[in-house]
Protein backbone atom coordinates (compact mmCIF):
# COMPACT_ATOMS: atom_id res chain seq x y z
CA UNK A 1 -23.70 -91.03 -92.78
CA UNK A 2 -20.66 -88.81 -92.34
CA UNK A 3 -22.83 -86.12 -90.62
CA UNK A 4 -24.06 -88.68 -88.10
CA UNK A 5 -20.51 -89.47 -87.18
CA UNK A 6 -19.75 -85.77 -86.95
CA UNK A 7 -22.74 -85.19 -84.57
CA UNK A 8 -21.52 -88.10 -82.40
CA UNK A 9 -17.84 -86.89 -82.30
CA UNK A 10 -18.92 -83.23 -81.80
CA UNK A 11 -21.07 -84.02 -78.77
CA UNK A 12 -24.47 -83.28 -80.27
CA UNK A 13 -26.39 -86.34 -79.35
CA UNK A 14 -29.77 -84.67 -79.81
CA UNK A 15 -28.92 -84.41 -83.53
CA UNK A 16 -27.98 -88.03 -84.01
CA UNK A 17 -31.36 -89.60 -83.86
CA UNK A 18 -33.15 -87.27 -86.36
CA UNK A 19 -30.08 -87.71 -88.74
CA UNK A 20 -30.45 -91.53 -88.57
CA UNK A 21 -34.21 -91.28 -89.31
CA UNK A 22 -33.47 -89.01 -92.20
CA UNK A 23 -30.78 -91.46 -93.51
CA UNK A 24 -33.14 -94.40 -93.36
CA UNK A 25 -36.00 -92.21 -95.02
CA UNK A 26 -33.63 -91.32 -97.89
CA UNK A 27 -31.82 -94.60 -98.49
CA UNK A 28 -34.01 -97.37 -96.90
CA UNK A 29 -35.96 -100.11 -98.53
CA UNK A 30 -39.01 -97.93 -98.96
CA UNK A 31 -37.20 -94.94 -100.52
CA UNK A 32 -36.95 -93.82 -104.09
CA UNK A 33 -33.21 -94.21 -103.85
CA UNK A 34 -33.37 -97.84 -102.91
CA UNK A 35 -35.48 -98.50 -105.99
CA UNK A 36 -33.34 -96.51 -108.35
CA UNK A 37 -29.94 -97.69 -107.25
CA UNK A 38 -29.83 -101.38 -106.70
CA UNK A 39 -26.21 -101.48 -107.78
CA UNK A 40 -24.95 -99.63 -104.73
CA UNK A 41 -27.18 -101.08 -102.03
CA UNK A 42 -24.65 -103.56 -100.94
CA UNK A 43 -22.16 -100.64 -100.16
CA UNK A 44 -24.48 -98.92 -97.65
CA UNK A 45 -26.78 -101.67 -96.46
CA UNK A 46 -24.77 -102.57 -93.28
CA UNK A 47 -24.84 -98.91 -92.14
CA UNK A 48 -28.55 -98.65 -93.02
CA UNK A 49 -29.37 -101.68 -91.01
CA UNK A 50 -27.40 -100.50 -88.01
CA UNK A 51 -29.21 -97.20 -87.98
CA UNK A 52 -32.62 -98.92 -88.26
CA UNK A 53 -31.68 -101.16 -85.37
CA UNK A 54 -30.47 -98.17 -83.27
CA UNK A 55 -33.82 -96.44 -83.93
CA UNK A 56 -35.88 -99.45 -83.11
CA UNK A 57 -34.08 -100.05 -79.88
CA UNK A 58 -34.26 -96.37 -78.90
CA UNK A 59 -37.98 -96.12 -79.54
CA UNK A 60 -38.65 -99.45 -77.82
CA UNK A 61 -36.88 -98.30 -74.72
CA UNK A 62 -38.94 -95.03 -74.76
CA UNK A 63 -42.13 -96.99 -75.17
CA UNK A 64 -41.29 -99.24 -72.27
CA UNK A 65 -40.84 -96.11 -70.11
CA UNK A 66 -43.96 -94.28 -71.32
CA UNK A 67 -46.25 -97.35 -71.82
CA UNK A 68 -48.06 -95.26 -74.45
CA UNK A 69 -49.52 -96.84 -77.52
CA UNK A 70 -48.06 -94.33 -80.04
CA UNK A 71 -44.56 -94.94 -78.68
CA UNK A 72 -44.93 -98.74 -79.15
CA UNK A 73 -46.19 -98.11 -82.64
CA UNK A 74 -43.14 -95.92 -83.40
CA UNK A 75 -40.88 -98.78 -82.24
CA UNK A 76 -42.92 -101.22 -84.41
CA UNK A 77 -42.37 -99.00 -87.42
CA UNK A 78 -38.51 -99.35 -87.14
CA UNK A 79 -38.60 -103.06 -86.32
CA UNK A 80 -40.78 -103.57 -89.56
CA UNK A 81 -38.33 -101.52 -91.47
CA UNK A 82 -35.53 -103.72 -90.37
CA UNK A 83 -37.45 -106.85 -91.25
CA UNK A 84 -38.30 -105.46 -94.76
CA UNK A 85 -34.64 -104.72 -95.47
CA UNK A 86 -32.84 -107.58 -97.21
CA UNK A 87 -30.78 -109.66 -96.91
CA UNK A 88 -31.81 -112.23 -94.33
CA UNK A 89 -29.58 -112.30 -91.33
CA UNK A 90 -29.25 -114.13 -87.99
CA UNK A 91 -30.95 -111.27 -86.09
CA UNK A 92 -34.19 -111.39 -88.02
CA UNK A 93 -35.97 -113.91 -85.82
CA UNK A 94 -35.14 -111.95 -82.70
CA UNK A 95 -36.10 -108.66 -84.32
CA UNK A 96 -39.39 -110.22 -85.51
CA UNK A 97 -40.09 -111.37 -81.92
CA UNK A 98 -39.47 -107.84 -80.67
CA UNK A 99 -41.75 -106.44 -83.40
CA UNK A 100 -44.49 -108.77 -82.28
CA UNK A 101 -44.01 -107.68 -78.60
CA UNK A 102 -44.39 -104.09 -79.32
CA UNK A 103 -47.44 -104.74 -81.47
CA UNK A 104 -48.85 -106.65 -78.55
CA UNK A 105 -48.07 -103.83 -76.17
CA UNK A 106 -49.70 -101.38 -78.51
CA UNK A 107 -52.87 -103.42 -78.50
CA UNK A 108 -52.59 -104.47 -82.18
CA UNK A 109 -53.52 -108.04 -81.44
CA UNK A 110 -54.28 -109.14 -85.03
CA UNK A 111 -50.87 -108.23 -86.29
CA UNK A 112 -49.19 -109.43 -83.07
CA UNK A 113 -50.82 -112.85 -83.71
CA UNK A 114 -49.29 -112.83 -87.23
CA UNK A 115 -45.89 -111.81 -86.13
CA UNK A 116 -45.65 -114.11 -83.14
CA UNK A 117 -46.70 -116.97 -85.36
CA UNK A 118 -44.16 -115.82 -88.03
CA UNK A 119 -41.51 -115.81 -85.32
CA UNK A 120 -42.55 -119.15 -83.80
CA UNK A 121 -42.92 -121.16 -87.04
CA UNK A 122 -41.01 -119.24 -89.79
CA UNK A 123 -37.43 -119.19 -88.41
CA UNK A 124 -35.48 -122.48 -88.24
CA UNK A 125 -33.78 -123.13 -84.93
CA UNK A 126 -34.94 -119.93 -83.28
CA UNK A 127 -34.20 -120.52 -79.63
CA UNK A 128 -37.28 -118.63 -78.41
CA UNK A 129 -39.74 -120.00 -81.00
CA UNK A 130 -41.84 -121.78 -78.39
CA UNK A 131 -42.21 -118.53 -76.27
CA UNK A 132 -43.30 -116.68 -79.49
CA UNK A 133 -45.74 -119.52 -80.28
CA UNK A 134 -47.22 -119.24 -76.75
CA UNK A 135 -47.55 -115.47 -77.09
CA UNK A 136 -49.37 -115.98 -80.31
CA UNK A 137 -52.04 -117.80 -78.33
CA UNK A 138 -52.12 -114.98 -75.66
CA UNK A 139 -52.52 -112.50 -78.51
CA UNK A 140 -55.48 -114.68 -79.90
CA UNK A 141 -57.06 -114.56 -76.59
CA UNK A 142 -56.61 -110.76 -76.13
CA UNK A 143 -58.05 -110.24 -79.57
CA UNK A 144 -61.06 -112.47 -78.85
CA UNK A 145 -61.66 -110.44 -75.60
CA UNK A 146 -61.54 -107.19 -77.54
CA UNK A 147 -63.79 -108.15 -80.47
CA UNK A 148 -67.35 -106.71 -80.36
CA UNK A 149 -70.20 -109.15 -80.78
CA UNK A 150 -73.20 -106.83 -81.13
CA UNK A 151 -74.44 -107.96 -84.57
CA UNK A 152 -74.30 -110.91 -86.80
CA UNK A 153 -71.25 -109.80 -88.81
CA UNK A 154 -69.21 -109.22 -85.73
CA UNK A 155 -70.35 -112.54 -84.32
CA UNK A 156 -69.15 -114.23 -87.58
CA UNK A 157 -65.80 -112.50 -87.19
CA UNK A 158 -65.49 -113.59 -83.64
CA UNK A 159 -66.32 -117.15 -84.66
CA UNK A 160 -63.64 -117.10 -87.40
CA UNK A 161 -60.98 -115.89 -84.85
CA UNK A 162 -62.17 -118.36 -82.30
CA UNK A 163 -61.41 -121.07 -84.85
CA UNK A 164 -58.09 -119.65 -85.75
CA UNK A 165 -57.30 -119.68 -81.99
CA UNK A 166 -58.15 -123.35 -81.74
CA UNK A 167 -56.02 -124.08 -84.81
CA UNK A 168 -53.21 -122.07 -83.38
CA UNK A 169 -53.45 -123.93 -80.12
CA UNK A 170 -53.26 -127.23 -81.88
CA UNK A 171 -50.33 -126.08 -84.01
CA UNK A 172 -48.47 -124.95 -80.90
CA UNK A 173 -49.15 -128.32 -79.03
CA UNK A 174 -47.89 -130.12 -82.15
CA UNK A 175 -44.80 -128.03 -82.78
CA UNK A 176 -43.81 -127.50 -79.16
CA UNK A 177 -45.03 -130.59 -77.40
CA UNK A 178 -42.26 -130.44 -74.78
CA UNK A 179 -43.07 -126.76 -73.86
CA UNK A 180 -44.28 -126.55 -70.31
CA UNK A 181 -47.57 -124.77 -71.54
CA UNK A 182 -48.25 -127.16 -74.32
């Protein structure tokens, strides 16, 4: 991480982002180092998480500007990395919500449904849980609109997702009965 600080202080901003990506690749939760050195994780985990969050926010901003699916998926990759990195913290619900939003923007409605539901129902006292729950329903509808129905197998899949949509609507109405869209 010292080289990232050196790039920042030296006025080389174009080198900072790749260095942060390299740091996460080397020391992150999906790295060999993470598996081999559990005894030192605690010492570098705050820096690791800060780098991941910087990367996620950077790529999310780029995706919002470009509106291109690959850019949203790149942001999603970094949000997922953050969510996969222990321990739990008070940012996870908000990060999960952002992860769901970029998946939705990328057109990955199946995973967006899962992540909006996780955000809405999996985090106690998350202030935007109802909004995430509603977006899970919007994601369900987008998925239903996109599913092909040209053969019996596709029709069965459509019916399963239609039932999940109904169940999701009932869950939302029960959990967020005071929400304006309930």
